[in-house]
Amino acid sequence: MIEIGSRLRSARQARGLTQDELARLAGIGRTSLSQLENGTIGEIGVRKILRVCAVLGLALQIMPRGAAADAG
């Protein structure tokens, strides 16, 4: 979750959004978003992640464990 969290944080900051703004737009709690960005969230549904990605204009890609991630 840490990698996805850091990518979400970078995308949020690049779009000039605060955590409060993104959480409101995605319909999730700010604490959940903070934990997602920090990789400390215990459990989160894929639908919530998809909503965050949609607001940021990102696509979620599922890869096999151990597969190299695209650096882009």
PDB file of N, CA and C in Angstrom:
ATOM      1  N   MET A   1       0.812  -1.204   0.000  1.00  0.00           N
ATOM      2  CA  MET A   1       0.000   0.000   0.000  1.00  0.00           C
ATOM      3  C   MET A   1       0.853   1.264   0.000  1.00  0.00           C
ATOM      4  N   ILE A   2       2.108   1.143   0.419  1.00  0.00           N
ATOM      5  CA  ILE A   2       2.938   2.337   0.501  1.00  0.00           C
ATOM      6  C   ILE A   2       3.158   2.933  -0.885  1.00  0.00           C
ATOM      7  N   GLU A   3       3.433   2.095  -1.894  1.00  0.00           N
ATOM      8  CA  GLU A   3       3.685   2.629  -3.228  1.00  0.00           C
ATOM      9  C   GLU A   3       2.459   3.337  -3.778  1.00  0.00           C
ATOM     10  N   ILE A   4       1.301   2.715  -3.665  1.00  0.00           N
ATOM     11  CA  ILE A   4       0.089   3.367  -4.169  1.00  0.00           C
ATOM     12  C   ILE A   4      -0.178   4.652  -3.387  1.00  0.00           C
ATOM     13  N   GLY A   5       0.083   4.618  -2.100  1.00  0.00           N
ATOM     14  CA  GLY A   5      -0.135   5.809  -1.284  1.00  0.00           C
ATOM     15  C   GLY A   5       0.740   6.969  -1.703  1.00  0.00           C
ATOM     16  N   SER A   6       2.006   6.698  -1.960  1.00  0.00           N
ATOM     17  CA  SER A   6       2.912   7.781  -2.363  1.00  0.00           C
ATOM     18  C   SER A   6       2.540   8.314  -3.744  1.00  0.00           C
ATOM     19  N   ARG A   7       2.067   7.437  -4.625  1.00  0.00           N
ATOM     20  CA  ARG A   7       1.634   7.895  -5.954  1.00  0.00           C
ATOM     21  C   ARG A   7       0.358   8.737  -5.852  1.00  0.00           C
ATOM     22  N   LEU A   8      -0.551   8.322  -4.984  1.00  0.00           N
ATOM     23  CA  LEU A   8      -1.767   9.116  -4.792  1.00  0.00           C
ATOM     24  C   LEU A   8      -1.432  10.484  -4.210  1.00  0.00           C
ATOM     25  N   ARG A   9      -0.534  10.517  -3.227  1.00  0.00           N
ATOM     26  CA  ARG A   9      -0.138  11.797  -2.623  1.00  0.00           C
ATOM     27  C   ARG A   9       0.487  12.712  -3.673  1.00  0.00           C
ATOM     28  N   SER A  10       1.392  12.173  -4.484  1.00  0.00           N
ATOM     29  CA  SER A  10       2.032  12.985  -5.523  1.00  0.00           C
ATOM     30  C   SER A  10       1.002  13.543  -6.500  1.00  0.00           C
ATOM     31  N   ALA A  11       0.050  12.713  -6.910  1.00  0.00           N
ATOM     32  CA  ALA A  11      -0.992  13.155  -7.846  1.00  0.00           C
ATOM     33  C   ALA A  11      -1.875  14.221  -7.204  1.00  0.00           C
ATOM     34  N   ARG A  12      -2.215  14.032  -5.925  1.00  0.00           N
ATOM     35  CA  ARG A  12      -3.044  15.020  -5.216  1.00  0.00           C
ATOM     36  C   ARG A  12      -2.325  16.359  -5.136  1.00  0.00           C
ATOM     37  N   GLN A  13      -1.056  16.320  -4.747  1.00  0.00           N
ATOM     38  CA  GLN A  13      -0.293  17.556  -4.618  1.00  0.00           C
ATOM     39  C   GLN A  13      -0.095  18.234  -5.970  1.00  0.00           C
ATOM     40  N   ALA A  14       0.127  17.443  -7.034  1.00  0.00           N
ATOM     41  CA  ALA A  14       0.303  18.009  -8.376  1.00  0.00           C
ATOM     42  C   ALA A  14      -0.957  18.723  -8.843  1.00  0.00           C
ATOM     43  N   ARG A  15      -2.111  18.294  -8.342  1.00  0.00           N
ATOM     44  CA  ARG A  15      -3.380  18.913  -8.711  1.00  0.00           C
ATOM     45  C   ARG A  15      -3.778  20.030  -7.749  1.00  0.00           C
ATOM     46  N   GLY A  16      -2.927  20.288  -6.760  1.00  0.00           N
ATOM     47  CA  GLY A  16      -3.173  21.385  -5.834  1.00  0.00           C
ATOM     48  C   GLY A  16      -4.311  21.138  -4.867  1.00  0.00           C
ATOM     49  N   LEU A  17      -4.588  19.865  -4.567  1.00  0.00           N
ATOM     50  CA  LEU A  17      -5.675  19.523  -3.639  1.00  0.00           C
ATOM     51  C   LEU A  17      -5.128  19.228  -2.253  1.00  0.00           C
ATOM     52  N   THR A  18      -5.879  19.619  -1.235  1.00  0.00           N
ATOM     53  CA  THR A  18      -5.555  19.214   0.127  1.00  0.00           C
ATOM     54  C   THR A  18      -6.163  17.835   0.371  1.00  0.00           C
ATOM     55  N   GLN A  19      -5.749  17.201   1.440  1.00  0.00           N
ATOM     56  CA  GLN A  19      -6.360  15.918   1.805  1.00  0.00           C
ATOM     57  C   GLN A  19      -7.855  16.102   2.063  1.00  0.00           C
ATOM     58  N   ASP A  20      -8.222  17.186   2.723  1.00  0.00           N
ATOM     59  CA  ASP A  20      -9.637  17.446   3.000  1.00  0.00           C
ATOM     60  C   ASP A  20     -10.440  17.548   1.714  1.00  0.00           C
ATOM     61  N   GLU A  21      -9.907  18.282   0.739  1.00  0.00           N
ATOM     62  CA  GLU A  21     -10.615  18.463  -0.531  1.00  0.00           C
ATOM     63  C   GLU A  21     -10.769  17.142  -1.283  1.00  0.00           C
ATOM     64  N   LEU A  22      -9.677  16.387  -1.393  1.00  0.00           N
ATOM     65  CA  LEU A  22      -9.737  15.118  -2.115  1.00  0.00           C
ATOM     66  C   LEU A  22     -10.662  14.135  -1.414  1.00  0.00           C
ATOM     67  N   ALA A  23     -10.576  14.054  -0.105  1.00  0.00           N
ATOM     68  CA  ALA A  23     -11.442  13.139   0.639  1.00  0.00           C
ATOM     69  C   ALA A  23     -12.914  13.485   0.401  1.00  0.00           C
ATOM     70  N   ARG A  24     -13.245  14.763   0.440  1.00  0.00           N
ATOM     71  CA  ARG A  24     -14.627  15.188   0.215  1.00  0.00           C
ATOM     72  C   ARG A  24     -15.075  14.832  -1.197  1.00  0.00           C
ATOM     73  N   LEU A  25     -14.245  15.121  -2.192  1.00  0.00           N
ATOM     74  CA  LEU A  25     -14.594  14.828  -3.580  1.00  0.00           C
ATOM     75  C   LEU A  25     -14.751  13.322  -3.839  1.00  0.00           C
ATOM     76  N   ALA A  26     -13.947  12.515  -3.138  1.00  0.00           N
ATOM     77  CA  ALA A  26     -13.985  11.062  -3.326  1.00  0.00           C
ATOM     78  C   ALA A  26     -15.005  10.386  -2.418  1.00  0.00           C
ATOM     79  N   GLY A  27     -15.541  11.124  -1.464  1.00  0.00           N
ATOM     80  CA  GLY A  27     -16.535  10.551  -0.561  1.00  0.00           C
ATOM     81  C   GLY A  27     -15.959   9.595   0.467  1.00  0.00           C
ATOM     82  N   ILE A  28     -14.732   9.892   0.929  1.00  0.00           N
ATOM     83  CA  ILE A  28     -14.125   9.085   1.987  1.00  0.00           C
ATOM     84  C   ILE A  28     -13.665  10.022   3.099  1.00  0.00           C
ATOM     85  N   GLY A  29     -13.336   9.459   4.241  1.00  0.00           N
ATOM     86  CA  GLY A  29     -12.867  10.274   5.356  1.00  0.00           C
ATOM     87  C   GLY A  29     -11.438  10.745   5.147  1.00  0.00           C
ATOM     88  N   ARG A  30     -11.131  11.945   5.669  1.00  0.00           N
ATOM     89  CA  ARG A  30      -9.775  12.466   5.540  1.00  0.00           C
ATOM     90  C   ARG A  30      -8.768  11.583   6.245  1.00  0.00           C
ATOM     91  N   THR A  31      -9.160  11.009   7.379  1.00  0.00           N
ATOM     92  CA  THR A  31      -8.252  10.116   8.096  1.00  0.00           C
ATOM     93  C   THR A  31      -7.938   8.884   7.255  1.00  0.00           C
ATOM     94  N   SER A  32      -8.949   8.332   6.592  1.00  0.00           N
ATOM     95  CA  SER A  32      -8.716   7.176   5.724  1.00  0.00           C
ATOM     96  C   SER A  32      -7.778   7.541   4.582  1.00  0.00           C
ATOM     97  N   LEU A  33      -7.969   8.710   3.995  1.00  0.00           N
ATOM     98  CA  LEU A  33      -7.095   9.144   2.909  1.00  0.00           C
ATOM     99  C   LEU A  33      -5.667   9.312   3.415  1.00  0.00           C
ATOM    100  N   SER A  34      -5.504   9.922   4.578  1.00  0.00           N
ATOM    101  CA  SER A  34      -4.177  10.105   5.156  1.00  0.00           C
ATOM    102  C   SER A  34      -3.499   8.756   5.382  1.00  0.00           C
ATOM    103  N   GLN A  35      -4.226   7.815   5.952  1.00  0.00           N
ATOM    104  CA  GLN A  35      -3.671   6.490   6.193  1.00  0.00           C
ATOM    105  C   GLN A  35      -3.343   5.780   4.882  1.00  0.00           C
ATOM    106  N   LEU A  36      -4.166   5.962   3.866  1.00  0.00           N
ATOM    107  CA  LEU A  36      -3.909   5.371   2.549  1.00  0.00           C
ATOM    108  C   LEU A  36      -2.619   5.942   1.972  1.00  0.00           C
ATOM    109  N   GLU A  37      -2.465   7.255   2.018  1.00  0.00           N
ATOM    110  CA  GLU A  37      -1.260   7.887   1.491  1.00  0.00           C
ATOM    111  C   GLU A  37      -0.009   7.453   2.255  1.00  0.00           C
ATOM    112  N   ASN A  38      -0.146   7.218   3.559  1.00  0.00           N
ATOM    113  CA  ASN A  38       1.002   6.840   4.386  1.00  0.00           C
ATOM    114  C   ASN A  38       1.253   5.341   4.427  1.00  0.00           C
ATOM    115  N   GLY A  39       0.371   4.569   3.808  1.00  0.00           N
ATOM    116  CA  GLY A  39       0.544   3.113   3.797  1.00  0.00           C
ATOM    117  C   GLY A  39       0.247   2.462   5.128  1.00  0.00           C
ATOM    118  N   THR A  40      -0.543   3.134   5.974  1.00  0.00           N
ATOM    119  CA  THR A  40      -0.816   2.600   7.305  1.00  0.00           C
ATOM    120  C   THR A  40      -2.260   2.152   7.482  1.00  0.00           C
ATOM    121  N   ILE A  41      -3.049   2.203   6.418  1.00  0.00           N
ATOM    122  CA  ILE A  41      -4.459   1.829   6.532  1.00  0.00           C
ATOM    123  C   ILE A  41      -4.567   0.317   6.667  1.00  0.00           C
ATOM    124  N   GLY A  42      -5.400  -0.122   7.595  1.00  0.00           N
ATOM    125  CA  GLY A  42      -5.571  -1.559   7.814  1.00  0.00           C
ATOM    126  C   GLY A  42      -6.296  -2.216   6.656  1.00  0.00           C
ATOM    127  N   GLU A  43      -7.481  -1.749   6.378  1.00  0.00           N
ATOM    128  CA  GLU A  43      -8.286  -2.282   5.284  1.00  0.00           C
ATOM    129  C   GLU A  43      -9.036  -1.136   4.630  1.00  0.00           C
ATOM    130  N   ILE A  44      -9.130  -1.208   3.307  1.00  0.00           N
ATOM    131  CA  ILE A  44      -9.911  -0.233   2.562  1.00  0.00           C
ATOM    132  C   ILE A  44     -10.466  -0.958   1.347  1.00  0.00           C
ATOM    133  N   GLY A  45     -11.698  -0.688   1.035  1.00  0.00           N
ATOM    134  CA  GLY A  45     -12.319  -1.328  -0.114  1.00  0.00           C
ATOM    135  C   GLY A  45     -11.774  -0.778  -1.423  1.00  0.00           C
ATOM    136  N   VAL A  46     -11.731  -1.637  -2.424  1.00  0.00           N
ATOM    137  CA  VAL A  46     -11.217  -1.223  -3.728  1.00  0.00           C
ATOM    138  C   VAL A  46     -12.077  -0.113  -4.325  1.00  0.00           C
ATOM    139  N   ARG A  47     -13.354  -0.088  -4.015  1.00  0.00           N
ATOM    140  CA  ARG A  47     -14.219   0.977  -4.536  1.00  0.00           C
ATOM    141  C   ARG A  47     -13.785   2.345  -4.042  1.00  0.00           C
ATOM    142  N   LYS A  48     -13.347   2.425  -2.801  1.00  0.00           N
ATOM    143  CA  LYS A  48     -12.873   3.705  -2.269  1.00  0.00           C
ATOM    144  C   LYS A  48     -11.599   4.133  -2.979  1.00  0.00           C
ATOM    145  N   ILE A  49     -10.701   3.193  -3.215  1.00  0.00           N
ATOM    146  CA  ILE A  49      -9.467   3.512  -3.935  1.00  0.00           C
ATOM    147  C   ILE A  49      -9.806   3.965  -5.350  1.00  0.00           C
ATOM    148  N   LEU A  50     -10.750   3.286  -5.988  1.00  0.00           N
ATOM    149  CA  LEU A  50     -11.158   3.659  -7.343  1.00  0.00           C
ATOM    150  C   LEU A  50     -11.752   5.059  -7.383  1.00  0.00           C
ATOM    151  N   ARG A  51     -12.511   5.433  -6.344  1.00  0.00           N
ATOM    152  CA  ARG A  51     -13.091   6.788  -6.300  1.00  0.00           C
ATOM    153  C   ARG A  51     -11.992   7.843  -6.176  1.00  0.00           C
ATOM    154  N   VAL A  52     -10.990   7.574  -5.350  1.00  0.00           N
ATOM    155  CA  VAL A  52      -9.864   8.501  -5.213  1.00  0.00           C
ATOM    156  C   VAL A  52      -9.139   8.623  -6.554  1.00  0.00           C
ATOM    157  N   CYS A  53      -8.888   7.487  -7.191  1.00  0.00           N
ATOM    158  CA  CYS A  53      -8.211   7.493  -8.494  1.00  0.00           C
ATOM    159  C   CYS A  53      -9.022   8.271  -9.521  1.00  0.00           C
ATOM    160  N   ALA A  54     -10.329   8.087  -9.527  1.00  0.00           N
ATOM    161  CA  ALA A  54     -11.183   8.774 -10.497  1.00  0.00           C
ATOM    162  C   ALA A  54     -11.096  10.291 -10.332  1.00  0.00           C
ATOM    163  N   VAL A  55     -11.131  10.762  -9.094  1.00  0.00           N
ATOM    164  CA  VAL A  55     -11.038  12.205  -8.843  1.00  0.00           C
ATOM    165  C   VAL A  55      -9.697  12.741  -9.346  1.00  0.00           C
ATOM    166  N   LEU A  56      -8.643  11.931  -9.188  1.00  0.00           N
ATOM    167  CA  LEU A  56      -7.304  12.368  -9.586  1.00  0.00           C
ATOM    168  C   LEU A  56      -7.010  12.102 -11.059  1.00  0.00           C
ATOM    169  N   GLY A  57      -7.933  11.449 -11.762  1.00  0.00           N
ATOM    170  CA  GLY A  57      -7.712  11.133 -13.164  1.00  0.00           C
ATOM    171  C   GLY A  57      -6.716  10.013 -13.373  1.00  0.00           C
ATOM    172  N   LEU A  58      -6.649   9.100 -12.403  1.00  0.00           N
ATOM    173  CA  LEU A  58      -5.713   7.973 -12.466  1.00  0.00           C
ATOM    174  C   LEU A  58      -6.462   6.679 -12.721  1.00  0.00           C
ATOM    175  N   ALA A  59      -5.745   5.681 -13.236  1.00  0.00           N
ATOM    176  CA  ALA A  59      -6.286   4.337 -13.409  1.00  0.00           C
ATOM    177  C   ALA A  59      -5.568   3.409 -12.429  1.00  0.00           C
ATOM    178  N   LEU A  60      -6.296   2.470 -11.867  1.00  0.00           N
ATOM    179  CA  LEU A  60      -5.714   1.491 -10.957  1.00  0.00           C
ATOM    180  C   LEU A  60      -5.340   0.259 -11.765  1.00  0.00           C
ATOM    181  N   GLN A  61      -4.090  -0.149 -11.674  1.00  0.00           N
ATOM    182  CA  GLN A  61      -3.610  -1.315 -12.400  1.00  0.00           C
ATOM    183  C   GLN A  61      -3.218  -2.392 -11.401  1.00  0.00           C
ATOM    184  N   ILE A  62      -3.763  -3.576 -11.583  1.00  0.00           N
ATOM    185  CA  ILE A  62      -3.439  -4.705 -10.702  1.00  0.00           C
ATOM    186  C   ILE A  62      -2.350  -5.538 -11.362  1.00  0.00           C
ATOM    187  N   MET A  63      -1.295  -5.824 -10.619  1.00  0.00           N
ATOM    188  CA  MET A  63      -0.176  -6.592 -11.152  1.00  0.00           C
ATOM    189  C   MET A  63       0.112  -7.773 -10.250  1.00  0.00           C
ATOM    190  N   PRO A  64       0.672  -8.844 -10.813  1.00  0.00           N
ATOM    191  CA  PRO A  64       1.054  -9.982  -9.972  1.00  0.00           C
ATOM    192  C   PRO A  64       2.097  -9.557  -8.940  1.00  0.00           C
ATOM    193  N   ARG A  65       2.042 -10.159  -7.794  1.00  0.00           N
ATOM    194  CA  ARG A  65       3.012  -9.857  -6.731  1.00  0.00           C
ATOM    195  C   ARG A  65       4.416 -10.108  -7.260  1.00  0.00           C
ATOM    196  N   GLY A  66       5.309  -9.164  -7.022  1.00  0.00           N
ATOM    197  CA  GLY A  66       6.694  -9.299  -7.443  1.00  0.00           C
ATOM    198  C   GLY A  66       6.966  -8.773  -8.845  1.00  0.00           C
ATOM    199  N   ALA A  67       5.921  -8.408  -9.583  1.00  0.00           N
ATOM    200  CA  ALA A  67       6.110  -7.864 -10.927  1.00  0.00           C
ATOM    201  C   ALA A  67       6.658  -6.445 -10.822  1.00  0.00           C
ATOM    202  N   ALA A  68       7.528  -6.091 -11.737  1.00  0.00           N
ATOM    203  CA  ALA A  68       8.114  -4.751 -11.733  1.00  0.00           C
ATOM    204  C   ALA A  68       7.047  -3.735 -12.123  1.00  0.00           C
ATOM    205  N   ALA A  69       6.967  -2.653 -11.358  1.00  0.00           N
ATOM    206  CA  ALA A  69       6.007  -1.583 -11.649  1.00  0.00           C
ATOM    207  C   ALA A  69       6.612  -0.644 -12.678  1.00  0.00           C
ATOM    208  N   ASP A  70       5.771  -0.107 -13.526  1.00  0.00           N
ATOM    209  CA  ASP A  70       6.196   0.883 -14.509  1.00  0.00           C
ATOM    210  C   ASP A  70       6.583   2.145 -13.768  1.00  0.00           C
ATOM    211  N   ALA A  71       7.741   2.656 -14.032  1.00  0.00           N
ATOM    212  CA  ALA A  71       8.240   3.833 -13.323  1.00  0.00           C
ATOM    213  C   ALA A  71       7.488   5.100 -13.707  1.00  0.00           C
ATOM    214  N   GLY A  72       6.650   5.049 -14.758  1.00  0.00           N
ATOM    215  CA  GLY A  72       5.946   6.257 -15.203  1.00  0.00           C
ATOM    216  C   GLY A  72       4.737   6.463 -14.420  1.00  0.00           C
TER     217      GLY A  72
END
